[in-house]
């Protein structure tokens, strides 16, 4: 029980936890942005591919 109380009083542990939460939030935003951008880029390349002539024509 004393160990748990000491962890709550220790500021370094709280700071590390805050940095971990910030890093997790940034990672989630990056994943969402890459997913949305990847879909847009994929559709753009598909459009370009459909407009290009096939070899031999």
PDB file of N, CA and C in Angstrom:
ATOM      1  N   UNK A   1       0.830  -1.196   0.000  1.00  0.00           N
ATOM      2  CA  UNK A   1       0.000   0.000   0.000  1.00  0.00           C
ATOM      3  C   UNK A   1       0.867   1.250   0.000  1.00  0.00           C
ATOM      4  N   UNK A   2       1.970   1.200   0.732  1.00  0.00           N
ATOM      5  CA  UNK A   2       2.868   2.364   0.775  1.00  0.00           C
ATOM      6  C   UNK A   2       3.471   2.649  -0.589  1.00  0.00           C
ATOM      7  N   UNK A   3       3.712   1.595  -1.340  1.00  0.00           N
ATOM      8  CA  UNK A   3       4.289   1.755  -2.668  1.00  0.00           C
ATOM      9  C   UNK A   3       3.314   2.489  -3.583  1.00  0.00           C
ATOM     10  N   UNK A   4       2.050   2.160  -3.498  1.00  0.00           N
ATOM     11  CA  UNK A   4       1.038   2.812  -4.334  1.00  0.00           C
ATOM     12  C   UNK A   4       0.912   4.283  -3.959  1.00  0.00           C
ATOM     13  N   UNK A   5       0.907   4.578  -2.690  1.00  0.00           N
ATOM     14  CA  UNK A   5       0.819   5.965  -2.237  1.00  0.00           C
ATOM     15  C   UNK A   5       2.049   6.744  -2.692  1.00  0.00           C
ATOM     16  N   UNK A   6       3.208   6.112  -2.625  1.00  0.00           N
ATOM     17  CA  UNK A   6       4.447   6.777  -3.049  1.00  0.00           C
ATOM     18  C   UNK A   6       4.399   7.064  -4.560  1.00  0.00           C
ATOM     19  N   UNK A   7       3.818   6.158  -5.343  1.00  0.00           N
ATOM     20  CA  UNK A   7       3.708   6.392  -6.780  1.00  0.00           C
ATOM     21  C   UNK A   7       2.817   7.594  -7.098  1.00  0.00           C
ATOM     22  N   UNK A   8       1.741   7.772  -6.341  1.00  0.00           N
ATOM     23  CA  UNK A   8       0.863   8.907  -6.573  1.00  0.00           C
ATOM     24  C   UNK A   8       1.517  10.219  -6.166  1.00  0.00           C
ATOM     25  N   UNK A   9       2.362  10.192  -5.156  1.00  0.00           N
ATOM     26  CA  UNK A   9       3.040  11.403  -4.700  1.00  0.00           C
ATOM     27  C   UNK A   9       4.246  11.748  -5.567  1.00  0.00           C
ATOM     28  N   UNK A  10       4.814  10.773  -6.225  1.00  0.00           N
ATOM     29  CA  UNK A  10       6.020  10.985  -7.017  1.00  0.00           C
ATOM     30  C   UNK A  10       5.673  11.736  -8.301  1.00  0.00           C
ATOM     31  N   UNK A  11       6.270  12.901  -8.506  1.00  0.00           N
ATOM     32  CA  UNK A  11       5.958  13.728  -9.664  1.00  0.00           C
ATOM     33  C   UNK A  11       6.592  13.200 -10.941  1.00  0.00           C
ATOM     34  N   UNK A  12       7.725  12.550 -10.860  1.00  0.00           N
ATOM     35  CA  UNK A  12       8.383  12.041 -12.051  1.00  0.00           C
ATOM     36  C   UNK A  12       7.522  10.982 -12.744  1.00  0.00           C
ATOM     37  N   UNK A  13       6.856  10.159 -11.982  1.00  0.00           N
ATOM     38  CA  UNK A  13       5.979   9.140 -12.559  1.00  0.00           C
ATOM     39  C   UNK A  13       4.797   9.767 -13.273  1.00  0.00           C
ATOM     40  N   UNK A  14       4.250  10.819 -12.698  1.00  0.00           N
ATOM     41  CA  UNK A  14       3.123  11.509 -13.321  1.00  0.00           C
ATOM     42  C   UNK A  14       3.564  12.175 -14.624  1.00  0.00           C
ATOM     43  N   UNK A  15       4.754  12.751 -14.622  1.00  0.00           N
ATOM     44  CA  UNK A  15       5.254  13.399 -15.824  1.00  0.00           C
ATOM     45  C   UNK A  15       5.462  12.373 -16.935  1.00  0.00           C
ATOM     46  N   UNK A  16       6.022  11.228 -16.590  1.00  0.00           N
ATOM     47  CA  UNK A  16       6.221  10.179 -17.588  1.00  0.00           C
ATOM     48  C   UNK A  16       4.880   9.700 -18.132  1.00  0.00           C
ATOM     49  N   UNK A  17       3.893   9.592 -17.290  1.00  0.00           N
ATOM     50  CA  UNK A  17       2.560   9.187 -17.723  1.00  0.00           C
ATOM     51  C   UNK A  17       1.966  10.222 -18.670  1.00  0.00           C
ATOM     52  N   UNK A  18       2.135  11.492 -18.348  1.00  0.00           N
ATOM     53  CA  UNK A  18       1.626  12.552 -19.211  1.00  0.00           C
ATOM     54  C   UNK A  18       2.305  12.512 -20.581  1.00  0.00           C
ATOM     55  N   UNK A  19       3.613  12.320 -20.600  1.00  0.00           N
ATOM     56  CA  UNK A  19       4.325  12.220 -21.872  1.00  0.00           C
ATOM     57  C   UNK A  19       3.843  11.006 -22.664  1.00  0.00           C
ATOM     58  N   UNK A  20       3.575   9.922 -21.988  1.00  0.00           N
ATOM     59  CA  UNK A  20       3.061   8.730 -22.659  1.00  0.00           C
ATOM     60  C   UNK A  20       1.697   8.979 -23.280  1.00  0.00           C
ATOM     61  N   UNK A  21       0.838   9.679 -22.561  1.00  0.00           N
ATOM     62  CA  UNK A  21      -0.492   9.990 -23.094  1.00  0.00           C
ATOM     63  C   UNK A  21      -0.399  10.936 -24.292  1.00  0.00           C
ATOM     64  N   UNK A  22       0.500  11.912 -24.213  1.00  0.00           N
ATOM     65  CA  UNK A  22       0.689  12.835 -25.329  1.00  0.00           C
ATOM     66  C   UNK A  22       1.203  12.076 -26.553  1.00  0.00           C
ATOM     67  N   UNK A  23       2.169  11.186 -26.347  1.00  0.00           N
ATOM     68  CA  UNK A  23       2.713  10.397 -27.453  1.00  0.00           C
ATOM     69  C   UNK A  23       1.629   9.513 -28.074  1.00  0.00           C
ATOM     70  N   UNK A  24       0.779   8.922 -27.253  1.00  0.00           N
ATOM     71  CA  UNK A  24      -0.304   8.079 -27.765  1.00  0.00           C
ATOM     72  C   UNK A  24      -1.307   8.910 -28.570  1.00  0.00           C
ATOM     73  N   UNK A  25      -1.604  10.113 -28.103  1.00  0.00           N
ATOM     74  CA  UNK A  25      -2.524  10.993 -28.828  1.00  0.00           C
ATOM     75  C   UNK A  25      -1.930  11.405 -30.174  1.00  0.00           C
ATOM     76  N   UNK A  26      -0.657  11.754 -30.187  1.00  0.00           N
ATOM     77  CA  UNK A  26      -0.001  12.133 -31.436  1.00  0.00           C
ATOM     78  C   UNK A  26       0.006  10.953 -32.407  1.00  0.00           C
ATOM     79  N   UNK A  27       0.287   9.767 -31.901  1.00  0.00           N
ATOM     80  CA  UNK A  27       0.296   8.572 -32.754  1.00  0.00           C
ATOM     81  C   UNK A  27      -1.093   8.325 -33.349  1.00  0.00           C
ATOM     82  N   UNK A  28      -2.128   8.510 -32.556  1.00  0.00           N
ATOM     83  CA  UNK A  28      -3.489   8.304 -33.057  1.00  0.00           C
ATOM     84  C   UNK A  28      -3.836   9.308 -34.156  1.00  0.00           C
ATOM     85  N   UNK A  29      -3.406  10.554 -33.984  1.00  0.00           N
ATOM     86  CA  UNK A  29      -3.660  11.580 -35.001  1.00  0.00           C
ATOM     87  C   UNK A  29      -2.901  11.250 -36.280  1.00  0.00           C
ATOM     88  N   UNK A  30      -1.657  10.794 -36.146  1.00  0.00           N
ATOM     89  CA  UNK A  30      -0.862  10.433 -37.324  1.00  0.00           C
ATOM     90  C   UNK A  30      -1.508   9.276 -38.073  1.00  0.00           C
ATOM     91  N   UNK A  31      -1.961   8.266 -37.351  1.00  0.00           N
ATOM     92  CA  UNK A  31      -2.610   7.115 -37.996  1.00  0.00           C
ATOM     93  C   UNK A  31      -3.874   7.557 -38.730  1.00  0.00           C
ATOM     94  N   UNK A  32      -4.663   8.402 -38.115  1.00  0.00           N
ATOM     95  CA  UNK A  32      -5.893   8.881 -38.763  1.00  0.00           C
ATOM     96  C   UNK A  32      -5.563   9.697 -40.009  1.00  0.00           C
ATOM     97  N   UNK A  33      -4.555  10.562 -39.926  1.00  0.00           N
ATOM     98  CA  UNK A  33      -4.187  11.394 -41.068  1.00  0.00           C
ATOM     99  C   UNK A  33      -3.642  10.551 -42.219  1.00  0.00           C
ATOM    100  N   UNK A  34      -2.797   9.596 -41.906  1.00  0.00           N
ATOM    101  CA  UNK A  34      -2.218   8.745 -42.950  1.00  0.00           C
ATOM    102  C   UNK A  34      -3.300   7.890 -43.601  1.00  0.00           C
ATOM    103  N   UNK A  35      -4.234   7.409 -42.830  1.00  0.00           N
ATOM    104  CA  UNK A  35      -5.330   6.612 -43.377  1.00  0.00           C
ATOM    105  C   UNK A  35      -6.176   7.444 -44.337  1.00  0.00           C
ATOM    106  N   UNK A  36      -6.534   8.643 -43.914  1.00  0.00           N
ATOM    107  CA  UNK A  36      -7.355   9.510 -44.766  1.00  0.00           C
ATOM    108  C   UNK A  36      -6.580   9.940 -46.005  1.00  0.00           C
ATOM    109  N   UNK A  37      -5.344  10.310 -45.832  1.00  0.00           N
ATOM    110  CA  UNK A  37      -4.525  10.740 -46.962  1.00  0.00           C
ATOM    111  C   UNK A  37      -4.243   9.579 -47.912  1.00  0.00           C
ATOM    112  N   UNK A  38      -4.009   8.402 -47.357  1.00  0.00           N
ATOM    113  CA  UNK A  38      -3.744   7.223 -48.181  1.00  0.00           C
ATOM    114  C   UNK A  38      -4.907   6.889 -49.080  1.00  0.00           C
ATOM    115  N   UNK A  39      -6.108   7.008 -48.577  1.00  0.00           N
ATOM    116  CA  UNK A  39      -7.304   6.752 -49.390  1.00  0.00           C
ATOM    117  C   UNK A  39      -7.399   7.764 -50.521  1.00  0.00           C
ATOM    118  N   UNK A  40      -7.144   9.012 -50.223  1.00  0.00           N
ATOM    119  CA  UNK A  40      -7.213  10.074 -51.235  1.00  0.00           C
ATOM    120  C   UNK A  40      -6.145   9.860 -52.303  1.00  0.00           C
ATOM    121  N   UNK A  41      -4.929   9.550 -51.885  1.00  0.00           N
ATOM    122  CA  UNK A  41      -3.836   9.329 -52.835  1.00  0.00           C
ATOM    123  C   UNK A  41      -4.126   8.108 -53.704  1.00  0.00           C
ATOM    124  N   UNK A  42      -4.643   7.069 -53.108  1.00  0.00           N
ATOM    125  CA  UNK A  42      -4.967   5.858 -53.861  1.00  0.00           C
ATOM    126  C   UNK A  42      -6.014   6.138 -54.929  1.00  0.00           C
ATOM    127  N   UNK A  43      -7.033   6.889 -54.592  1.00  0.00           N
ATOM    128  CA  UNK A  43      -8.064   7.197 -55.583  1.00  0.00           C
ATOM    129  C   UNK A  43      -7.510   8.105 -56.681  1.00  0.00           C
ATOM    130  N   UNK A  44      -6.606   9.004 -56.340  1.00  0.00           N
ATOM    131  CA  UNK A  44      -5.985   9.871 -57.345  1.00  0.00           C
ATOM    132  C   UNK A  44      -5.157   9.047 -58.323  1.00  0.00           C
ATOM    133  N   UNK A  45      -4.352   8.113 -57.811  1.00  0.00           N
ATOM    134  CA  UNK A  45      -3.554   7.266 -58.686  1.00  0.00           C
ATOM    135  C   UNK A  45      -4.433   6.358 -59.546  1.00  0.00           C
ATOM    136  N   UNK A  46      -5.524   5.889 -59.009  1.00  0.00           N
ATOM    137  CA  UNK A  46      -6.443   5.061 -59.795  1.00  0.00           C
ATOM    138  C   UNK A  46      -7.047   5.869 -60.937  1.00  0.00           C
ATOM    139  N   UNK A  47      -7.390   7.119 -60.665  1.00  0.00           N
ATOM    140  CA  UNK A  47      -7.933   7.991 -61.703  1.00  0.00           C
ATOM    141  C   UNK A  47      -6.896   8.224 -62.805  1.00  0.00           C
ATOM    142  N   UNK A  48      -5.668   8.533 -62.402  1.00  0.00           N
ATOM    143  CA  UNK A  48      -4.595   8.765 -63.377  1.00  0.00           C
ATOM    144  C   UNK A  48      -4.350   7.511 -64.202  1.00  0.00           C
ATOM    145  N   UNK A  49      -4.339   6.366 -63.560  1.00  0.00           N
ATOM    146  CA  UNK A  49      -4.119   5.101 -64.258  1.00  0.00           C
ATOM    147  C   UNK A  49      -5.216   4.835 -65.287  1.00  0.00           C
ATOM    148  N   UNK A  50      -6.436   5.174 -64.938  1.00  0.00           N
ATOM    149  CA  UNK A  50      -7.541   4.921 -65.869  1.00  0.00           C
ATOM    150  C   UNK A  50      -7.472   5.840 -67.089  1.00  0.00           C
ATOM    151  N   UNK A  51      -6.837   6.983 -66.974  1.00  0.00           N
ATOM    152  CA  UNK A  51      -6.740   7.942 -68.087  1.00  0.00           C
ATOM    153  C   UNK A  51      -5.533   7.687 -68.987  1.00  0.00           C
ATOM    154  N   UNK A  52      -4.590   6.855 -68.556  1.00  0.00           N
ATOM    155  CA  UNK A  52      -3.395   6.594 -69.347  1.00  0.00           C
ATOM    156  C   UNK A  52      -3.689   5.495 -70.368  1.00  0.00           C
ATOM    157  N   UNK A  53      -3.122   5.639 -71.569  1.00  0.00           N
ATOM    158  CA  UNK A  53      -3.341   4.585 -72.573  1.00  0.00           C
ATOM    159  C   UNK A  53      -2.560   3.327 -72.209  1.00  0.00           C
ATOM    160  N   UNK A  54      -3.111   2.196 -72.596  1.00  0.00           N
ATOM    161  CA  UNK A  54      -2.415   0.941 -72.344  1.00  0.00           C
ATOM    162  C   UNK A  54      -1.305   0.761 -73.377  1.00  0.00           C
ATOM    163  N   UNK A  55      -0.224   0.082 -73.049  1.00  0.00           N
ATOM    164  CA  UNK A  55       0.878  -0.115 -73.998  1.00  0.00           C
ATOM    165  C   UNK A  55       0.397  -0.912 -75.214  1.00  0.00           C
ATOM    166  N   UNK A  56       0.885  -0.521 -76.392  1.00  0.00           N
ATOM    167  CA  UNK A  56       0.544  -1.244 -77.606  1.00  0.00           C
ATOM    168  C   UNK A  56      -0.654  -0.700 -78.333  1.00  0.00           C
ATOM    169  N   UNK A  57      -1.268   0.329 -77.827  1.00  0.00           N
ATOM    170  CA  UNK A  57      -2.444   0.892 -78.509  1.00  0.00           C
ATOM    171  C   UNK A  57      -2.060   2.075 -79.353  1.00  0.00           C
TER     172      UNK A  57
END
